[in-house]
Amino acid sequence: MVVVKISNFGDILMSRPAGREAFLMAKAYVFRDTKKTDEIILDFDEVKVLAPSWAGEFITGLKSEYPNTIQCINTKNPSVKASLETVLN
């Protein structure tokens, strides 16, 4: 299991380019050995604003590169909840 604290990328996550950049950074530093694990947990604690464009770039990148199960936690913030519903459905 790998837990990614999304707030490490900032607490206001807005643009598609920033989401892409965050994914590439995570790919290089966080997910180096992720193929060995079966679950990725994205922790949205302390994220104030999450735009669907940022989430789309980050999560779509994860899904395309890693066969792992992706789980999201701490998603009660209305911005996070709405963006994830848009991206994951």
N, C-alpha and C. Protein backbone atom coordinates (compact mmCIF):
# COMPACT_ATOMS: atom_id res chain seq x y z
N MET A 1 0.84 -1.17 0.00
CA MET A 1 0.00 0.00 0.00
C MET A 1 0.89 1.24 0.00
N VAL A 2 0.52 2.20 -0.84
CA VAL A 2 1.21 3.48 -0.89
C VAL A 2 0.18 4.56 -0.58
N VAL A 3 0.49 5.42 0.39
CA VAL A 3 -0.40 6.53 0.74
C VAL A 3 0.24 7.82 0.24
N VAL A 4 -0.54 8.58 -0.55
CA VAL A 4 -0.05 9.85 -1.10
C VAL A 4 -0.86 10.97 -0.46
N LYS A 5 -0.19 11.83 0.26
CA LYS A 5 -0.83 12.99 0.88
C LYS A 5 -0.89 14.08 -0.20
N ILE A 6 -2.07 14.28 -0.77
CA ILE A 6 -2.24 15.19 -1.90
C ILE A 6 -1.90 16.63 -1.52
N SER A 7 -2.08 17.00 -0.26
CA SER A 7 -1.76 18.37 0.15
C SER A 7 -0.27 18.68 0.02
N ASN A 8 0.57 17.66 -0.14
CA ASN A 8 1.98 17.91 -0.40
C ASN A 8 2.19 18.65 -1.72
N PHE A 9 1.20 18.60 -2.60
CA PHE A 9 1.28 19.30 -3.88
C PHE A 9 0.66 20.70 -3.79
N GLY A 10 0.09 21.04 -2.64
CA GLY A 10 -0.53 22.33 -2.41
C GLY A 10 -1.92 22.15 -1.82
N ASP A 11 -2.48 23.23 -1.30
CA ASP A 11 -3.83 23.11 -0.75
C ASP A 11 -4.89 23.67 -1.69
N ILE A 12 -4.46 24.36 -2.75
CA ILE A 12 -5.36 24.82 -3.80
C ILE A 12 -4.83 24.26 -5.11
N LEU A 13 -5.52 23.26 -5.63
CA LEU A 13 -5.06 22.50 -6.80
C LEU A 13 -6.01 22.78 -7.95
N MET A 14 -5.56 23.61 -8.89
CA MET A 14 -6.50 24.17 -9.85
C MET A 14 -6.30 23.77 -11.31
N SER A 15 -5.13 23.79 -11.82
CA SER A 15 -4.98 23.73 -13.28
C SER A 15 -4.54 22.36 -13.79
N ARG A 16 -4.89 22.12 -15.03
CA ARG A 16 -4.50 20.89 -15.71
C ARG A 16 -2.98 20.74 -15.77
N PRO A 17 -2.22 21.80 -16.16
CA PRO A 17 -0.75 21.67 -16.17
C PRO A 17 -0.17 21.36 -14.79
N ALA A 18 -0.74 21.94 -13.75
CA ALA A 18 -0.25 21.66 -12.40
C ALA A 18 -0.54 20.22 -11.99
N GLY A 19 -1.70 19.69 -12.40
CA GLY A 19 -2.03 18.30 -12.13
C GLY A 19 -1.09 17.34 -12.85
N ARG A 20 -0.79 17.68 -14.08
CA ARG A 20 0.16 16.86 -14.87
C ARG A 20 1.54 16.89 -14.23
N GLU A 21 1.98 18.08 -13.83
CA GLU A 21 3.29 18.22 -13.19
C GLU A 21 3.34 17.43 -11.87
N ALA A 22 2.26 17.50 -11.10
CA ALA A 22 2.20 16.74 -9.84
C ALA A 22 2.27 15.24 -10.10
N PHE A 23 1.55 14.77 -11.13
CA PHE A 23 1.61 13.35 -11.46
C PHE A 23 3.03 12.93 -11.84
N LEU A 24 3.68 13.72 -12.68
CA LEU A 24 5.05 13.38 -13.11
C LEU A 24 6.02 13.38 -11.92
N MET A 25 5.84 14.32 -11.00
CA MET A 25 6.68 14.35 -9.81
C MET A 25 6.42 13.12 -8.95
N ALA A 26 5.16 12.78 -8.76
CA ALA A 26 4.81 11.59 -7.97
C ALA A 26 5.34 10.33 -8.64
N LYS A 27 5.23 10.27 -9.94
CA LYS A 27 5.72 9.11 -10.69
C LYS A 27 7.21 8.92 -10.46
N ALA A 28 7.94 10.01 -10.46
CA ALA A 28 9.40 9.94 -10.31
C ALA A 28 9.84 9.62 -8.89
N TYR A 29 9.12 10.15 -7.91
CA TYR A 29 9.60 10.03 -6.53
C TYR A 29 8.77 9.14 -5.62
N VAL A 30 7.47 9.06 -5.83
CA VAL A 30 6.60 8.31 -4.93
C VAL A 30 6.29 6.92 -5.45
N PHE A 31 6.05 6.82 -6.75
CA PHE A 31 5.57 5.57 -7.32
C PHE A 31 6.66 4.73 -7.99
N ARG A 32 7.89 4.92 -7.61
CA ARG A 32 8.97 4.16 -8.24
C ARG A 32 8.76 2.65 -8.14
N ASP A 33 8.36 2.17 -6.97
CA ASP A 33 8.18 0.73 -6.76
C ASP A 33 6.72 0.35 -6.56
N THR A 34 5.80 1.14 -7.09
CA THR A 34 4.38 0.93 -6.83
C THR A 34 3.84 -0.31 -7.51
N LYS A 35 4.47 -0.77 -8.55
CA LYS A 35 3.96 -1.97 -9.22
C LYS A 35 4.04 -3.18 -8.29
N LYS A 36 4.80 -3.06 -7.22
CA LYS A 36 4.92 -4.15 -6.26
C LYS A 36 3.78 -4.16 -5.25
N THR A 37 3.01 -3.09 -5.21
CA THR A 37 1.91 -3.01 -4.24
C THR A 37 0.58 -3.08 -4.97
N ASP A 38 -0.46 -3.39 -4.24
CA ASP A 38 -1.75 -3.57 -4.91
C ASP A 38 -2.72 -2.42 -4.69
N GLU A 39 -2.34 -1.43 -3.86
CA GLU A 39 -3.28 -0.36 -3.57
C GLU A 39 -2.57 0.99 -3.43
N ILE A 40 -3.17 2.01 -4.02
CA ILE A 40 -2.71 3.38 -3.88
C ILE A 40 -3.83 4.14 -3.17
N ILE A 41 -3.48 4.80 -2.07
CA ILE A 41 -4.46 5.59 -1.32
C ILE A 41 -4.11 7.06 -1.48
N LEU A 42 -5.07 7.83 -2.00
CA LEU A 42 -4.90 9.27 -2.15
C LEU A 42 -5.60 9.94 -0.98
N ASP A 43 -4.82 10.63 -0.14
CA ASP A 43 -5.34 11.28 1.06
C ASP A 43 -5.52 12.78 0.77
N PHE A 44 -6.78 13.23 0.76
CA PHE A 44 -7.10 14.62 0.42
C PHE A 44 -7.24 15.50 1.66
N ASP A 45 -6.77 15.06 2.81
CA ASP A 45 -6.81 15.86 4.02
C ASP A 45 -6.03 17.16 3.79
N GLU A 46 -6.56 18.26 4.25
CA GLU A 46 -5.95 19.60 4.17
C GLU A 46 -6.00 20.22 2.77
N VAL A 47 -6.65 19.59 1.81
CA VAL A 47 -6.83 20.20 0.49
C VAL A 47 -8.06 21.09 0.58
N LYS A 48 -7.89 22.38 0.27
CA LYS A 48 -8.98 23.34 0.37
C LYS A 48 -9.80 23.41 -0.92
N VAL A 49 -9.12 23.40 -2.05
CA VAL A 49 -9.79 23.48 -3.36
C VAL A 49 -9.16 22.46 -4.29
N LEU A 50 -10.02 21.67 -4.94
CA LEU A 50 -9.56 20.71 -5.94
C LEU A 50 -10.42 20.89 -7.19
N ALA A 51 -9.79 21.26 -8.27
CA ALA A 51 -10.51 21.43 -9.54
C ALA A 51 -10.53 20.11 -10.30
N PRO A 52 -11.61 19.85 -11.04
CA PRO A 52 -11.67 18.61 -11.83
C PRO A 52 -10.51 18.49 -12.82
N SER A 53 -10.03 19.61 -13.34
CA SER A 53 -8.92 19.55 -14.31
C SER A 53 -7.65 19.01 -13.65
N TRP A 54 -7.33 19.47 -12.44
CA TRP A 54 -6.15 18.98 -11.72
C TRP A 54 -6.32 17.50 -11.39
N ALA A 55 -7.48 17.17 -10.81
CA ALA A 55 -7.74 15.78 -10.43
C ALA A 55 -7.73 14.86 -11.65
N GLY A 56 -8.28 15.34 -12.75
CA GLY A 56 -8.32 14.53 -13.97
C GLY A 56 -6.92 14.19 -14.46
N GLU A 57 -6.06 15.17 -14.51
CA GLU A 57 -4.68 14.91 -14.96
C GLU A 57 -3.96 13.95 -14.02
N PHE A 58 -4.09 14.17 -12.72
CA PHE A 58 -3.38 13.35 -11.75
C PHE A 58 -3.91 11.92 -11.73
N ILE A 59 -5.21 11.77 -11.60
CA ILE A 59 -5.81 10.44 -11.46
C ILE A 59 -5.79 9.67 -12.77
N THR A 60 -6.02 10.34 -13.88
CA THR A 60 -5.95 9.67 -15.19
C THR A 60 -4.53 9.17 -15.44
N GLY A 61 -3.55 9.98 -15.06
CA GLY A 61 -2.16 9.54 -15.18
C GLY A 61 -1.89 8.29 -14.36
N LEU A 62 -2.40 8.28 -13.13
CA LEU A 62 -2.23 7.09 -12.28
C LEU A 62 -2.86 5.86 -12.90
N LYS A 63 -4.10 6.02 -13.36
CA LYS A 63 -4.82 4.88 -13.93
C LYS A 63 -4.14 4.34 -15.18
N SER A 64 -3.55 5.22 -15.97
CA SER A 64 -2.93 4.77 -17.20
C SER A 64 -1.57 4.09 -16.97
N GLU A 65 -0.90 4.45 -15.90
CA GLU A 65 0.45 3.92 -15.64
C GLU A 65 0.48 2.72 -14.68
N TYR A 66 -0.50 2.66 -13.78
CA TYR A 66 -0.45 1.66 -12.72
C TYR A 66 -1.74 0.86 -12.66
N PRO A 67 -1.63 -0.45 -12.59
CA PRO A 67 -2.82 -1.31 -12.53
C PRO A 67 -3.42 -1.41 -11.13
N ASN A 68 -2.86 -0.67 -10.20
CA ASN A 68 -3.25 -0.76 -8.80
C ASN A 68 -4.67 -0.25 -8.57
N THR A 69 -5.23 -0.67 -7.45
CA THR A 69 -6.50 -0.13 -6.99
C THR A 69 -6.23 1.24 -6.40
N ILE A 70 -7.05 2.22 -6.77
CA ILE A 70 -6.90 3.58 -6.24
C ILE A 70 -8.07 3.85 -5.31
N GLN A 71 -7.74 4.25 -4.10
CA GLN A 71 -8.75 4.59 -3.10
C GLN A 71 -8.51 6.02 -2.66
N CYS A 72 -9.59 6.78 -2.46
CA CYS A 72 -9.50 8.16 -2.00
C CYS A 72 -10.06 8.27 -0.59
N ILE A 73 -9.32 8.95 0.29
CA ILE A 73 -9.79 9.15 1.66
C ILE A 73 -9.80 10.64 1.99
N ASN A 74 -10.51 11.00 3.05
CA ASN A 74 -10.65 12.39 3.49
C ASN A 74 -11.20 13.27 2.37
N THR A 75 -12.35 12.87 1.86
CA THR A 75 -12.95 13.54 0.70
C THR A 75 -14.23 14.30 1.06
N LYS A 76 -14.37 14.73 2.31
CA LYS A 76 -15.60 15.41 2.73
C LYS A 76 -15.67 16.86 2.27
N ASN A 77 -14.56 17.48 1.97
CA ASN A 77 -14.55 18.85 1.46
C ASN A 77 -15.41 18.88 0.19
N PRO A 78 -16.38 19.82 0.09
CA PRO A 78 -17.27 19.84 -1.07
C PRO A 78 -16.54 19.96 -2.42
N SER A 79 -15.47 20.72 -2.44
CA SER A 79 -14.70 20.88 -3.68
C SER A 79 -14.05 19.56 -4.08
N VAL A 80 -13.46 18.89 -3.12
CA VAL A 80 -12.82 17.59 -3.38
C VAL A 80 -13.87 16.57 -3.80
N LYS A 81 -14.95 16.52 -3.06
CA LYS A 81 -16.01 15.54 -3.34
C LYS A 81 -16.57 15.72 -4.76
N ALA A 82 -16.91 16.95 -5.13
CA ALA A 82 -17.49 17.22 -6.44
C ALA A 82 -16.50 16.92 -7.57
N SER A 83 -15.25 17.29 -7.37
CA SER A 83 -14.24 17.05 -8.41
C SER A 83 -14.00 15.56 -8.61
N LEU A 84 -13.92 14.82 -7.52
CA LEU A 84 -13.70 13.38 -7.64
C LEU A 84 -14.89 12.68 -8.28
N GLU A 85 -16.10 13.13 -7.95
CA GLU A 85 -17.28 12.55 -8.60
C GLU A 85 -17.23 12.78 -10.10
N THR A 86 -16.79 13.95 -10.51
CA THR A 86 -16.68 14.27 -11.93
C THR A 86 -15.63 13.39 -12.61
N VAL A 87 -14.48 13.26 -11.98
CA VAL A 87 -13.36 12.53 -12.59
C VAL A 87 -13.56 11.02 -12.55
N LEU A 88 -14.08 10.51 -11.46
CA LEU A 88 -14.16 9.05 -11.29
C LEU A 88 -15.41 8.44 -11.91
N ASN A 89 -16.38 9.25 -12.30
CA ASN A 89 -17.60 8.70 -12.92
C ASN A 89 -17.66 8.95 -14.38
